[in-house]
PDB file of N, CA and C in Angstrom:
ATOM      1  N   UNK A   1      88.159  94.637  84.133  1.00  0.00           N
ATOM      2  CA  UNK A   1      89.115  93.857  84.863  1.00  0.00           C
ATOM      3  C   UNK A   1      90.224  94.778  85.513  1.00  0.00           C
ATOM      4  N   UNK A   2      90.702  94.418  86.663  1.00  0.00           N
ATOM      5  CA  UNK A   2      91.711  95.191  87.261  1.00  0.00           C
ATOM      6  C   UNK A   2      92.957  95.299  86.423  1.00  0.00           C
ATOM      7  N   UNK A   3      93.600  96.418  86.437  1.00  0.00           N
ATOM      8  CA  UNK A   3      94.826  96.588  85.660  1.00  0.00           C
ATOM      9  C   UNK A   3      96.031  96.808  86.516  1.00  0.00           C
ATOM     10  N   UNK A   4      95.901  96.397  87.838  1.00  0.00           N
ATOM     11  CA  UNK A   4      97.009  96.651  88.726  1.00  0.00           C
ATOM     12  C   UNK A   4      97.939  95.354  88.607  1.00  0.00           C
ATOM     13  N   UNK A   5      99.277  95.645  88.377  1.00  0.00           N
ATOM     14  CA  UNK A   5     100.153  94.574  88.186  1.00  0.00           C
ATOM     15  C   UNK A   5     101.149  94.616  89.315  1.00  0.00           C
ATOM     16  N   UNK A   6     101.596  93.500  89.896  1.00  0.00           N
ATOM     17  CA  UNK A   6     102.530  93.475  90.943  1.00  0.00           C
ATOM     18  C   UNK A   6     104.001  93.558  90.495  1.00  0.00           C
ATOM     19  N   UNK A   7     104.208  93.696  89.204  1.00  0.00           N
ATOM     20  CA  UNK A   7     105.585  93.719  88.698  1.00  0.00           C
ATOM     21  C   UNK A   7     106.246  95.073  88.870  1.00  0.00           C
ATOM     22  N   UNK A   8     105.515  96.142  89.366  1.00  0.00           N
ATOM     23  CA  UNK A   8     106.074  97.394  89.697  1.00  0.00           C
ATOM     24  C   UNK A   8     107.063  97.265  90.860  1.00  0.00           C
ATOM     25  N   UNK A   9     108.250  97.825  90.700  1.00  0.00           N
ATOM     26  CA  UNK A   9     109.272  97.694  91.751  1.00  0.00           C
ATOM     27  C   UNK A   9     109.293  98.982  92.547  1.00  0.00           C
ATOM     28  N   UNK A  10     108.726 100.069  92.181  1.00  0.00           N
ATOM     29  CA  UNK A  10     108.677 101.292  92.991  1.00  0.00           C
ATOM     30  C   UNK A  10     107.771 101.183  94.112  1.00  0.00           C
ATOM     31  N   UNK A  11     108.110 101.786  95.288  1.00  0.00           N
ATOM     32  CA  UNK A  11     107.119 101.747  96.388  1.00  0.00           C
ATOM     33  C   UNK A  11     105.948 102.650  95.984  1.00  0.00           C
ATOM     34  N   UNK A  12     104.787 102.217  96.240  1.00  0.00           N
ATOM     35  CA  UNK A  12     103.568 102.973  95.902  1.00  0.00           C
ATOM     36  C   UNK A  12     102.849 103.348  97.205  1.00  0.00           C
ATOM     37  N   UNK A  13     101.939 104.236  96.976  1.00  0.00           N
ATOM     38  CA  UNK A  13     101.154 104.683  98.092  1.00  0.00           C
ATOM     39  C   UNK A  13     100.098 103.571  98.452  1.00  0.00           C
ATOM     40  N   UNK A  14      99.748 103.427  99.656  1.00  0.00           N
ATOM     41  CA  UNK A  14      98.684 102.469 100.011  1.00  0.00           C
ATOM     42  C   UNK A  14      97.324 102.742  99.242  1.00  0.00           C
ATOM     43  N   UNK A  15      96.794 101.611  98.828  1.00  0.00           N
ATOM     44  CA  UNK A  15      95.496 101.703  98.084  1.00  0.00           C
ATOM     45  C   UNK A  15      95.541 102.333  96.680  1.00  0.00           C
ATOM     46  N   UNK A  16      96.785 102.562  96.199  1.00  0.00           N
ATOM     47  CA  UNK A  16      96.842 103.182  94.908  1.00  0.00           C
ATOM     48  C   UNK A  16      96.350 102.296  93.709  1.00  0.00           C
ATOM     49  N   UNK A  17      96.555 100.989  93.887  1.00  0.00           N
ATOM     50  CA  UNK A  17      96.067 100.064  92.858  1.00  0.00           C
ATOM     51  C   UNK A  17      94.524 100.139  92.734  1.00  0.00           C
ATOM     52  N   UNK A  18      93.855 100.108  93.859  1.00  0.00           N
ATOM     53  CA  UNK A  18      92.372 100.214  93.939  1.00  0.00           C
ATOM     54  C   UNK A  18      91.866 101.560  93.324  1.00  0.00           C
ATOM     55  N   UNK A  19      92.574 102.613  93.645  1.00  0.00           N
ATOM     56  CA  UNK A  19      92.203 103.866  93.171  1.00  0.00           C
ATOM     57  C   UNK A  19      92.307 103.918  91.657  1.00  0.00           C
ATOM     58  N   UNK A  20      93.405 103.380  91.088  1.00  0.00           N
ATOM     59  CA  UNK A  20      93.522 103.412  89.613  1.00  0.00           C
ATOM     60  C   UNK A  20      92.447 102.664  88.963  1.00  0.00           C
ATOM     61  N   UNK A  21      92.138 101.407  89.559  1.00  0.00           N
ATOM     62  CA  UNK A  21      91.053 100.598  88.984  1.00  0.00           C
ATOM     63  C   UNK A  21      89.691 101.239  89.092  1.00  0.00           C
ATOM     64  N   UNK A  22      89.412 101.870  90.148  1.00  0.00           N
ATOM     65  CA  UNK A  22      88.175 102.609  90.333  1.00  0.00           C
ATOM     66  C   UNK A  22      88.031 103.754  89.241  1.00  0.00           C
ATOM     67  N   UNK A  23      89.135 104.488  89.127  1.00  0.00           N
ATOM     68  CA  UNK A  23      89.169 105.634  88.116  1.00  0.00           C
ATOM     69  C   UNK A  23      88.927 105.082  86.723  1.00  0.00           C
ATOM     70  N   UNK A  24      89.575 104.007  86.368  1.00  0.00           N
ATOM     71  CA  UNK A  24      89.385 103.465  85.002  1.00  0.00           C
ATOM     72  C   UNK A  24      87.949 102.927  84.822  1.00  0.00           C
ATOM     73  N   UNK A  25      87.399 102.333  85.854  1.00  0.00           N
ATOM     74  CA  UNK A  25      86.020 101.754  85.723  1.00  0.00           C
ATOM     75  C   UNK A  25      85.010 102.943  85.575  1.00  0.00           C
ATOM     76  N   UNK A  26      85.231 103.982  86.323  1.00  0.00           N
ATOM     77  CA  UNK A  26      84.283 105.126  86.220  1.00  0.00           C
ATOM     78  C   UNK A  26      84.394 105.803  84.920  1.00  0.00           C
ATOM     79  N   UNK A  27      85.650 105.961  84.302  1.00  0.00           N
ATOM     80  CA  UNK A  27      85.838 106.654  83.105  1.00  0.00           C
ATOM     81  C   UNK A  27      85.184 105.793  81.912  1.00  0.00           C
ATOM     82  N   UNK A  28      85.141 104.472  82.045  1.00  0.00           N
ATOM     83  CA  UNK A  28      84.582 103.676  81.056  1.00  0.00           C
ATOM     84  C   UNK A  28      83.037 103.416  81.188  1.00  0.00           C
ATOM     85  N   UNK A  29      82.497 103.942  82.192  1.00  0.00           N
ATOM     86  CA  UNK A  29      81.077 103.618  82.468  1.00  0.00           C
ATOM     87  C   UNK A  29      80.216 104.538  81.474  1.00  0.00           C
ATOM     88  N   UNK A  30      78.991 104.046  81.342  1.00  0.00           N
ATOM     89  CA  UNK A  30      78.053 104.767  80.502  1.00  0.00           C
ATOM     90  C   UNK A  30      77.670 106.165  81.058  1.00  0.00           C
ATOM     91  N   UNK A  31      77.655 106.246  82.340  1.00  0.00           N
ATOM     92  CA  UNK A  31      77.387 107.537  82.953  1.00  0.00           C
ATOM     93  C   UNK A  31      78.297 108.694  82.537  1.00  0.00           C
ATOM     94  N   UNK A  32      79.601 108.422  82.504  1.00  0.00           N
ATOM     95  CA  UNK A  32      80.549 109.329  82.076  1.00  0.00           C
ATOM     96  C   UNK A  32      80.554 109.517  80.588  1.00  0.00           C
ATOM     97  N   UNK A  33      80.531 108.429  79.840  1.00  0.00           N
ATOM     98  CA  UNK A  33      80.597 108.529  78.412  1.00  0.00           C
ATOM     99  C   UNK A  33      79.328 109.002  77.749  1.00  0.00           C
ATOM    100  N   UNK A  34      78.166 108.424  78.059  1.00  0.00           N
ATOM    101  CA  UNK A  34      76.942 108.855  77.344  1.00  0.00           C
ATOM    102  C   UNK A  34      76.265 110.110  77.999  1.00  0.00           C
ATOM    103  N   UNK A  35      76.262 110.067  79.353  1.00  0.00           N
ATOM    104  CA  UNK A  35      75.515 111.218  79.983  1.00  0.00           C
ATOM    105  C   UNK A  35      76.330 112.406  80.231  1.00  0.00           C
ATOM    106  N   UNK A  36      77.692 112.270  79.953  1.00  0.00           N
ATOM    107  CA  UNK A  36      78.599 113.421  80.102  1.00  0.00           C
ATOM    108  C   UNK A  36      78.642 114.045  81.492  1.00  0.00           C
ATOM    109  N   UNK A  37      78.545 113.206  82.487  1.00  0.00           N
ATOM    110  CA  UNK A  37      78.642 113.539  83.874  1.00  0.00           C
ATOM    111  C   UNK A  37      80.032 113.328  84.353  1.00  0.00           C
ATOM    112  N   UNK A  38      80.516 113.989  85.429  1.00  0.00           N
ATOM    113  CA  UNK A  38      81.718 113.685  86.020  1.00  0.00           C
ATOM    114  C   UNK A  38      81.726 112.402  86.834  1.00  0.00           C
ATOM    115  N   UNK A  39      82.821 111.728  87.099  1.00  0.00           N
ATOM    116  CA  UNK A  39      82.876 110.534  87.923  1.00  0.00           C
ATOM    117  C   UNK A  39      82.243 110.739  89.324  1.00  0.00           C
ATOM    118  N   UNK A  40      82.494 111.966  89.864  1.00  0.00           N
ATOM    119  CA  UNK A  40      82.070 112.234  91.170  1.00  0.00           C
ATOM    120  C   UNK A  40      80.500 112.283  91.179  1.00  0.00           C
ATOM    121  N   UNK A  41      79.991 112.932  90.169  1.00  0.00           N
ATOM    122  CA  UNK A  41      78.494 113.029  90.057  1.00  0.00           C
ATOM    123  C   UNK A  41      77.834 111.701  89.898  1.00  0.00           C
ATOM    124  N   UNK A  42      78.515 110.821  89.133  1.00  0.00           N
ATOM    125  CA  UNK A  42      78.022 109.439  88.894  1.00  0.00           C
ATOM    126  C   UNK A  42      77.966 108.670  90.177  1.00  0.00           C
ATOM    127  N   UNK A  43      79.112 108.841  91.003  1.00  0.00           N
ATOM    128  CA  UNK A  43      79.074 108.097  92.306  1.00  0.00           C
ATOM    129  C   UNK A  43      78.076 108.648  93.228  1.00  0.00           C
ATOM    130  N   UNK A  44      77.763 109.916  93.235  1.00  0.00           N
ATOM    131  CA  UNK A  44      76.763 110.476  94.081  1.00  0.00           C
ATOM    132  C   UNK A  44      75.358 109.965  93.838  1.00  0.00           C
ATOM    133  N   UNK A  45      75.079 109.880  92.521  1.00  0.00           N
ATOM    134  CA  UNK A  45      73.727 109.429  92.228  1.00  0.00           C
ATOM    135  C   UNK A  45      73.529 107.964  92.483  1.00  0.00           C
ATOM    136  N   UNK A  46      74.588 107.110  92.245  1.00  0.00           N
ATOM    137  CA  UNK A  46      74.482 105.785  92.649  1.00  0.00           C
ATOM    138  C   UNK A  46      73.838 104.792  91.616  1.00  0.00           C
ATOM    139  N   UNK A  47      72.670 105.163  91.131  1.00  0.00           N
ATOM    140  CA  UNK A  47      71.968 104.206  90.287  1.00  0.00           C
ATOM    141  C   UNK A  47      72.581 104.153  88.935  1.00  0.00           C
ATOM    142  N   UNK A  48      73.447 105.146  88.505  1.00  0.00           N
ATOM    143  CA  UNK A  48      73.990 105.195  87.201  1.00  0.00           C
ATOM    144  C   UNK A  48      75.285 104.323  87.064  1.00  0.00           C
ATOM    145  N   UNK A  49      75.863 103.853  88.156  1.00  0.00           N
ATOM    146  CA  UNK A  49      77.080 103.169  88.125  1.00  0.00           C
ATOM    147  C   UNK A  49      76.879 101.673  88.317  1.00  0.00           C
ATOM    148  N   UNK A  50      77.619 100.907  87.566  1.00  0.00           N
ATOM    149  CA  UNK A  50      77.356  99.447  87.584  1.00  0.00           C
ATOM    150  C   UNK A  50      77.919  98.796  88.889  1.00  0.00           C
ATOM    151  N   UNK A  51      77.609  97.626  89.098  1.00  0.00           N
ATOM    152  CA  UNK A  51      77.979  96.839  90.390  1.00  0.00           C
ATOM    153  C   UNK A  51      79.474  96.763  90.523  1.00  0.00           C
ATOM    154  N   UNK A  52      80.216  96.518  89.351  1.00  0.00           N
ATOM    155  CA  UNK A  52      81.673  96.373  89.460  1.00  0.00           C
ATOM    156  C   UNK A  52      82.316  97.605  90.036  1.00  0.00           C
ATOM    157  N   UNK A  53      81.916  98.801  89.514  1.00  0.00           N
ATOM    158  CA  UNK A  53      82.499  99.994  90.097  1.00  0.00           C
ATOM    159  C   UNK A  53      82.068 100.191  91.528  1.00  0.00           C
ATOM    160  N   UNK A  54      80.874  99.901  91.920  1.00  0.00           N
ATOM    161  CA  UNK A  54      80.397  99.962  93.240  1.00  0.00           C
ATOM    162  C   UNK A  54      81.371  99.108  94.216  1.00  0.00           C
ATOM    163  N   UNK A  55      81.636  97.939  93.660  1.00  0.00           N
ATOM    164  CA  UNK A  55      82.468  97.042  94.538  1.00  0.00           C
ATOM    165  C   UNK A  55      83.821  97.614  94.672  1.00  0.00           C
ATOM    166  N   UNK A  56      84.458  98.167  93.653  1.00  0.00           N
ATOM    167  CA  UNK A  56      85.657  98.862  93.695  1.00  0.00           C
ATOM    168  C   UNK A  56      85.720  99.999  94.641  1.00  0.00           C
ATOM    169  N   UNK A  57      84.619 100.777  94.596  1.00  0.00           N
ATOM    170  CA  UNK A  57      84.436 101.959  95.505  1.00  0.00           C
ATOM    171  C   UNK A  57      84.452 101.493  96.933  1.00  0.00           C
ATOM    172  N   UNK A  58      83.754 100.434  97.232  1.00  0.00           N
ATOM    173  CA  UNK A  58      83.674  99.924  98.603  1.00  0.00           C
ATOM    174  C   UNK A  58      85.022  99.385  99.086  1.00  0.00           C
ATOM    175  N   UNK A  59      85.751  98.645  98.149  1.00  0.00           N
ATOM    176  CA  UNK A  59      86.995  98.142  98.443  1.00  0.00           C
ATOM    177  C   UNK A  59      88.090  99.254  98.764  1.00  0.00           C
ATOM    178  N   UNK A  60      88.032 100.366  97.978  1.00  0.00           N
ATOM    179  CA  UNK A  60      88.844 101.506  98.125  1.00  0.00           C
ATOM    180  C   UNK A  60      88.553 102.180  99.515  1.00  0.00           C
ATOM    181  N   UNK A  61      87.303 102.296  99.829  1.00  0.00           N
ATOM    182  CA  UNK A  61      86.858 102.888 101.137  1.00  0.00           C
ATOM    183  C   UNK A  61      87.420 102.020 102.276  1.00  0.00           C
ATOM    184  N   UNK A  62      87.252 100.710 102.163  1.00  0.00           N
ATOM    185  CA  UNK A  62      87.735  99.765 103.227  1.00  0.00           C
ATOM    186  C   UNK A  62      89.267  99.874 103.412  1.00  0.00           C
ATOM    187  N   UNK A  63      89.946 100.018 102.261  1.00  0.00           N
ATOM    188  CA  UNK A  63      91.439 100.156 102.312  1.00  0.00           C
ATOM    189  C   UNK A  63      91.844 101.409 103.025  1.00  0.00           C
ATOM    190  N   UNK A  64      91.131 102.531 102.625  1.00  0.00           N
ATOM    191  CA  UNK A  64      91.562 103.830 103.315  1.00  0.00           C
ATOM    192  C   UNK A  64      91.174 103.782 104.737  1.00  0.00           C
ATOM    193  N   UNK A  65      90.043 103.199 105.098  1.00  0.00           N
ATOM    194  CA  UNK A  65      89.595 103.086 106.474  1.00  0.00           C
ATOM    195  C   UNK A  65      90.589 102.340 107.317  1.00  0.00           C
ATOM    196  N   UNK A  66      91.144 101.267 106.772  1.00  0.00           N
ATOM    197  CA  UNK A  66      92.101 100.447 107.447  1.00  0.00           C
ATOM    198  C   UNK A  66      93.404 101.194 107.710  1.00  0.00           C
ATOM    199  N   UNK A  67      93.676 102.158 106.976  1.00  0.00           N
ATOM    200  CA  UNK A  67      94.950 103.025 107.225  1.00  0.00           C
ATOM    201  C   UNK A  67      94.720 103.815 108.566  1.00  0.00           C
ATOM    202  N   UNK A  68      93.491 104.218 108.860  1.00  0.00           N
ATOM    203  CA  UNK A  68      93.231 104.985 110.070  1.00  0.00           C
ATOM    204  C   UNK A  68      92.981 104.061 111.322  1.00  0.00           C
ATOM    205  N   UNK A  69      92.757 102.889 111.069  1.00  0.00           N
ATOM    206  CA  UNK A  69      92.443 102.005 112.181  1.00  0.00           C
ATOM    207  C   UNK A  69      93.653 101.603 112.998  1.00  0.00           C
ATOM    208  N   UNK A  70      93.704 101.863 114.239  1.00  0.00           N
ATOM    209  CA  UNK A  70      94.906 101.588 115.102  1.00  0.00           C
ATOM    210  C   UNK A  70      95.194 100.121 115.185  1.00  0.00           C
ATOM    211  N   UNK A  71      94.155  99.279 115.044  1.00  0.00           N
ATOM    212  CA  UNK A  71      94.394  97.868 115.092  1.00  0.00           C
ATOM    213  C   UNK A  71      95.213  97.254 114.013  1.00  0.00           C
ATOM    214  N   UNK A  72      95.396  98.024 112.911  1.00  0.00           N
ATOM    215  CA  UNK A  72      96.208  97.602 111.752  1.00  0.00           C
ATOM    216  C   UNK A  72      97.642  97.541 112.127  1.00  0.00           C
ATOM    217  N   UNK A  73      98.005  98.193 113.189  1.00  0.00           N
ATOM    218  CA  UNK A  73      99.411  98.194 113.662  1.00  0.00           C
ATOM    219  C   UNK A  73      99.813  96.755 113.965  1.00  0.00           C
ATOM    220  N   UNK A  74      98.863  96.014 114.552  1.00  0.00           N
ATOM    221  CA  UNK A  74      99.082  94.649 114.960  1.00  0.00           C
ATOM    222  C   UNK A  74      98.744  93.655 113.868  1.00  0.00           C
ATOM    223  N   UNK A  75      97.775  93.905 113.145  1.00  0.00           N
ATOM    224  CA  UNK A  75      97.181  92.881 112.226  1.00  0.00           C
ATOM    225  C   UNK A  75      97.731  93.163 110.776  1.00  0.00           C
ATOM    226  N   UNK A  76      98.213  94.323 110.467  1.00  0.00           N
ATOM    227  CA  UNK A  76      98.624  94.622 109.104  1.00  0.00           C
ATOM    228  C   UNK A  76      97.486  95.124 108.294  1.00  0.00           C
ATOM    229  N   UNK A  77      97.744  95.790 107.197  1.00  0.00           N
ATOM    230  CA  UNK A  77      96.711  96.273 106.332  1.00  0.00           C
ATOM    231  C   UNK A  77      95.941  95.211 105.640  1.00  0.00           C
ATOM    232  N   UNK A  78      94.682  95.451 105.331  1.00  0.00           N
ATOM    233  CA  UNK A  78      93.871  94.473 104.620  1.00  0.00           C
ATOM    234  C   UNK A  78      94.330  94.335 103.216  1.00  0.00           C
ATOM    235  N   UNK A  79      94.314  93.163 102.683  1.00  0.00           N
ATOM    236  CA  UNK A  79      94.637  92.927 101.270  1.00  0.00           C
ATOM    237  C   UNK A  79      96.131  92.699 101.118  1.00  0.00           C
ATOM    238  N   UNK A  80      96.970  92.628 102.164  1.00  0.00           N
ATOM    239  CA  UNK A  80      98.353  92.425 102.009  1.00  0.00           C
ATOM    240  C   UNK A  80      98.737  91.151 102.768  1.00  0.00           C
TER     241      UNK A  80
END
């Protein structure tokens, strides 16, 4: 489950909530715990990571991509 809470009053970096959730998901996965691989190696192989972590990775990618998209000036960032 996501651990991102909106009760933080400090300004945060964009996409930081997704990044923290992805990091926690990867550290709790069997690939890191049982196979003793790094999270980066687990993401590269792909088949060792469950669907929830894959969905978080894709959402994080889309959030980062929306920061570079010039259309977001007019539409706003995704997820906000």
